[in-house]
Amino acid sequence: MNRSTIILLIILMLCSLSLVAAQQKTRSLYVALERAQTEERRLNQEWLRLEYEQRNLSKSSRITDIARKQLKMQAINPGRTQYVVVD
């Protein structure tokens, strides 16, 4: 073998190794992308669940119910209303 053949063989080997490395990098990036998309879907579902829960917790009927039961608040009664008169 002459010198140019050996140089071309070395260049071919380097190109082959470079191609294998690039393919491996592509595969690892694709796996990372799939994981990130799966995590995004999971987080979106969690966000929707939290929004739904927040809407349910902020309903006026629930607030009124908690005010009556836990805080023992009562509706306004004109018979119990006291007026302050300034002299």
N, C-alpha and C. Protein backbone atom coordinates (compact mmCIF):
# COMPACT_ATOMS: atom_id res chain seq x y z
N MET A 1 0.84 -1.18 0.00
CA MET A 1 0.00 0.00 0.00
C MET A 1 0.88 1.24 0.00
N ASN A 2 0.45 2.16 -0.76
CA ASN A 2 1.24 3.38 -0.79
C ASN A 2 0.70 4.38 0.24
N ARG A 3 1.37 5.45 0.34
CA ARG A 3 1.09 6.45 1.37
C ARG A 3 -0.30 7.07 1.21
N SER A 4 -0.74 7.38 0.02
CA SER A 4 -2.05 8.01 -0.20
C SER A 4 -3.18 7.06 0.18
N THR A 5 -3.00 5.77 -0.04
CA THR A 5 -4.02 4.80 0.34
C THR A 5 -4.18 4.75 1.86
N ILE A 6 -3.08 4.79 2.57
CA ILE A 6 -3.13 4.78 4.04
C ILE A 6 -3.78 6.05 4.55
N ILE A 7 -3.46 7.18 3.97
CA ILE A 7 -4.07 8.45 4.38
C ILE A 7 -5.57 8.43 4.11
N LEU A 8 -5.97 7.94 2.95
CA LEU A 8 -7.40 7.86 2.63
C LEU A 8 -8.11 6.88 3.56
N LEU A 9 -7.46 5.80 3.93
CA LEU A 9 -8.03 4.83 4.85
C LEU A 9 -8.23 5.45 6.24
N ILE A 10 -7.25 6.22 6.69
CA ILE A 10 -7.37 6.90 7.99
C ILE A 10 -8.49 7.93 7.95
N ILE A 11 -8.59 8.68 6.87
CA ILE A 11 -9.66 9.67 6.72
C ILE A 11 -11.02 8.97 6.71
N LEU A 12 -11.11 7.85 6.02
CA LEU A 12 -12.35 7.08 5.98
C LEU A 12 -12.74 6.59 7.37
N MET A 13 -11.76 6.11 8.13
CA MET A 13 -12.02 5.65 9.49
C MET A 13 -12.51 6.80 10.38
N LEU A 14 -11.87 7.95 10.25
CA LEU A 14 -12.28 9.12 11.04
C LEU A 14 -13.69 9.56 10.67
N CYS A 15 -14.01 9.56 9.40
CA CYS A 15 -15.36 9.92 8.96
C CYS A 15 -16.39 8.92 9.49
N SER A 16 -16.04 7.65 9.49
CA SER A 16 -16.94 6.62 9.99
C SER A 16 -17.20 6.80 11.48
N LEU A 17 -16.13 7.05 12.23
CA LEU A 17 -16.29 7.29 13.67
C LEU A 17 -17.10 8.55 13.95
N SER A 18 -16.87 9.56 13.12
CA SER A 18 -17.63 10.80 13.27
C SER A 18 -19.12 10.56 13.00
N LEU A 19 -19.41 9.76 11.99
CA LEU A 19 -20.80 9.44 11.67
C LEU A 19 -21.46 8.66 12.81
N VAL A 20 -20.77 7.70 13.38
CA VAL A 20 -21.31 6.92 14.50
C VAL A 20 -21.56 7.82 15.70
N ALA A 21 -20.63 8.71 15.99
CA ALA A 21 -20.79 9.64 17.11
C ALA A 21 -21.98 10.56 16.89
N ALA A 22 -22.15 11.05 15.66
CA ALA A 22 -23.28 11.93 15.35
C ALA A 22 -24.61 11.19 15.49
N GLN A 23 -24.64 9.94 15.03
CA GLN A 23 -25.88 9.16 15.18
C GLN A 23 -26.20 8.90 16.65
N GLN A 24 -25.19 8.61 17.44
CA GLN A 24 -25.41 8.38 18.87
C GLN A 24 -25.92 9.66 19.54
N LYS A 25 -25.34 10.78 19.18
CA LYS A 25 -25.78 12.07 19.73
C LYS A 25 -27.23 12.34 19.34
N THR A 26 -27.57 12.05 18.09
CA THR A 26 -28.95 12.24 17.62
C THR A 26 -29.91 11.37 18.40
N ARG A 27 -29.54 10.13 18.63
CA ARG A 27 -30.41 9.23 19.40
C ARG A 27 -30.60 9.72 20.83
N SER A 28 -29.52 10.15 21.45
CA SER A 28 -29.64 10.62 22.83
C SER A 28 -30.48 11.90 22.91
N LEU A 29 -30.33 12.78 21.93
CA LEU A 29 -31.15 14.00 21.91
C LEU A 29 -32.62 13.67 21.67
N TYR A 30 -32.88 12.67 20.83
CA TYR A 30 -34.26 12.27 20.57
C TYR A 30 -34.90 11.69 21.83
N VAL A 31 -34.14 10.88 22.57
CA VAL A 31 -34.65 10.32 23.82
C VAL A 31 -34.93 11.44 24.82
N ALA A 32 -34.03 12.42 24.90
CA ALA A 32 -34.23 13.55 25.81
C ALA A 32 -35.46 14.36 25.40
N LEU A 33 -35.67 14.52 24.09
CA LEU A 33 -36.85 15.23 23.60
C LEU A 33 -38.13 14.49 23.98
N GLU A 34 -38.15 13.18 23.81
CA GLU A 34 -39.32 12.39 24.17
C GLU A 34 -39.61 12.50 25.67
N ARG A 35 -38.58 12.45 26.48
CA ARG A 35 -38.77 12.58 27.94
C ARG A 35 -39.32 13.96 28.28
N ALA A 36 -38.79 14.99 27.65
CA ALA A 36 -39.26 16.35 27.91
C ALA A 36 -40.72 16.52 27.48
N GLN A 37 -41.10 15.92 26.35
CA GLN A 37 -42.49 16.02 25.90
C GLN A 37 -43.42 15.26 26.84
N THR A 38 -42.98 14.12 27.34
CA THR A 38 -43.78 13.37 28.31
C THR A 38 -43.96 14.18 29.58
N GLU A 39 -42.90 14.81 30.04
CA GLU A 39 -42.97 15.65 31.24
C GLU A 39 -43.88 16.85 31.00
N GLU A 40 -43.82 17.42 29.79
CA GLU A 40 -44.70 18.55 29.46
C GLU A 40 -46.17 18.13 29.52
N ARG A 41 -46.48 16.96 28.97
CA ARG A 41 -47.87 16.47 29.02
C ARG A 41 -48.31 16.25 30.46
N ARG A 42 -47.43 15.69 31.27
CA ARG A 42 -47.78 15.44 32.67
C ARG A 42 -48.02 16.76 33.41
N LEU A 43 -47.15 17.74 33.16
CA LEU A 43 -47.31 19.03 33.83
C LEU A 43 -48.57 19.76 33.35
N ASN A 44 -48.91 19.64 32.07
CA ASN A 44 -50.14 20.25 31.57
C ASN A 44 -51.37 19.62 32.22
N GLN A 45 -51.36 18.31 32.39
CA GLN A 45 -52.47 17.64 33.07
C GLN A 45 -52.57 18.09 34.51
N GLU A 46 -51.44 18.22 35.18
CA GLU A 46 -51.42 18.69 36.57
C GLU A 46 -51.95 20.12 36.66
N TRP A 47 -51.55 20.95 35.71
CA TRP A 47 -52.02 22.35 35.68
C TRP A 47 -53.54 22.41 35.51
N LEU A 48 -54.07 21.61 34.58
CA LEU A 48 -55.52 21.60 34.38
C LEU A 48 -56.25 21.11 35.62
N ARG A 49 -55.69 20.10 36.30
CA ARG A 49 -56.31 19.60 37.52
C ARG A 49 -56.31 20.68 38.60
N LEU A 50 -55.20 21.41 38.72
CA LEU A 50 -55.13 22.46 39.73
C LEU A 50 -56.08 23.62 39.42
N GLU A 51 -56.21 23.96 38.14
CA GLU A 51 -57.18 25.01 37.77
C GLU A 51 -58.60 24.58 38.11
N TYR A 52 -58.93 23.33 37.82
CA TYR A 52 -60.26 22.81 38.14
C TYR A 52 -60.50 22.84 39.65
N GLU A 53 -59.50 22.43 40.41
CA GLU A 53 -59.63 22.44 41.86
C GLU A 53 -59.79 23.85 42.40
N GLN A 54 -59.05 24.80 41.81
CA GLN A 54 -59.16 26.19 42.25
C GLN A 54 -60.56 26.75 41.96
N ARG A 55 -61.11 26.41 40.79
CA ARG A 55 -62.46 26.86 40.48
C ARG A 55 -63.48 26.30 41.46
N ASN A 56 -63.32 25.04 41.81
CA ASN A 56 -64.25 24.43 42.76
C ASN A 56 -64.12 25.04 44.14
N LEU A 57 -62.90 25.35 44.55
CA LEU A 57 -62.69 25.93 45.88
C LEU A 57 -63.17 27.38 45.96
N SER A 58 -63.25 28.06 44.84
CA SER A 58 -63.64 29.47 44.88
C SER A 58 -65.12 29.69 44.56
N LYS A 59 -65.90 28.63 44.46
CA LYS A 59 -67.33 28.81 44.19
C LYS A 59 -67.99 29.49 45.39
N SER A 60 -68.92 30.38 45.10
CA SER A 60 -69.56 31.15 46.17
C SER A 60 -70.38 30.26 47.11
N SER A 61 -70.98 29.19 46.59
CA SER A 61 -71.75 28.30 47.46
C SER A 61 -70.85 27.61 48.48
N ARG A 62 -69.65 27.25 48.06
CA ARG A 62 -68.71 26.61 48.99
C ARG A 62 -68.25 27.63 50.03
N ILE A 63 -68.00 28.86 49.60
CA ILE A 63 -67.57 29.90 50.54
C ILE A 63 -68.67 30.18 51.56
N THR A 64 -69.91 30.26 51.09
CA THR A 64 -71.03 30.48 52.00
C THR A 64 -71.18 29.33 52.98
N ASP A 65 -71.04 28.13 52.51
CA ASP A 65 -71.15 26.95 53.35
C ASP A 65 -70.07 26.94 54.44
N ILE A 66 -68.85 27.26 54.07
CA ILE A 66 -67.76 27.31 55.05
C ILE A 66 -68.00 28.44 56.05
N ALA A 67 -68.49 29.59 55.57
CA ALA A 67 -68.76 30.71 56.47
C ALA A 67 -69.82 30.34 57.50
N ARG A 68 -70.82 29.61 57.10
CA ARG A 68 -71.88 29.23 58.04
C ARG A 68 -71.43 28.13 59.00
N LYS A 69 -70.76 27.12 58.50
CA LYS A 69 -70.41 25.96 59.33
C LYS A 69 -69.16 26.21 60.19
N GLN A 70 -68.07 26.60 59.58
CA GLN A 70 -66.82 26.71 60.32
C GLN A 70 -66.71 28.03 61.09
N LEU A 71 -67.14 29.12 60.48
CA LEU A 71 -67.03 30.43 61.12
C LEU A 71 -68.29 30.83 61.89
N LYS A 72 -69.33 30.01 61.76
CA LYS A 72 -70.62 30.24 62.44
C LYS A 72 -71.19 31.63 62.15
N MET A 73 -71.08 32.03 60.91
CA MET A 73 -71.63 33.31 60.49
C MET A 73 -73.09 33.11 60.10
N GLN A 74 -73.87 34.19 60.22
CA GLN A 74 -75.29 34.12 59.89
C GLN A 74 -75.62 35.23 58.90
N ALA A 75 -76.74 35.01 58.21
CA ALA A 75 -77.19 36.03 57.25
C ALA A 75 -77.66 37.28 58.00
N ILE A 76 -77.69 38.39 57.29
CA ILE A 76 -78.10 39.65 57.90
C ILE A 76 -79.58 39.58 58.26
N ASN A 77 -79.91 40.01 59.48
CA ASN A 77 -81.28 40.01 59.97
C ASN A 77 -81.61 41.43 60.41
N PRO A 78 -82.60 42.06 59.79
CA PRO A 78 -82.91 43.46 60.15
C PRO A 78 -83.30 43.61 61.62
N GLY A 79 -83.86 42.59 62.24
CA GLY A 79 -84.24 42.67 63.65
C GLY A 79 -83.05 42.73 64.58
N ARG A 80 -81.91 42.22 64.15
CA ARG A 80 -80.71 42.20 64.98
C ARG A 80 -79.75 43.34 64.65
N THR A 81 -80.11 44.16 63.69
CA THR A 81 -79.21 45.23 63.27
C THR A 81 -79.25 46.34 64.30
N GLN A 82 -78.10 46.81 64.68
CA GLN A 82 -78.00 47.92 65.65
C GLN A 82 -77.42 49.13 64.90
N TYR A 83 -78.04 50.26 65.13
CA TYR A 83 -77.59 51.47 64.48
C TYR A 83 -76.91 52.35 65.51
N VAL A 84 -75.84 52.97 65.12
CA VAL A 84 -75.12 53.87 66.01
C VAL A 84 -75.56 55.30 65.69
N VAL A 85 -76.03 55.97 66.70
CA VAL A 85 -76.51 57.33 66.50
C VAL A 85 -75.49 58.27 67.12
N VAL A 86 -75.06 59.26 66.36
CA VAL A 86 -74.10 60.24 66.84
C VAL A 86 -74.87 61.46 67.31
N ASP A 87 -74.59 61.91 68.54
CA ASP A 87 -75.28 63.10 69.08
C ASP A 87 -74.76 64.37 68.51
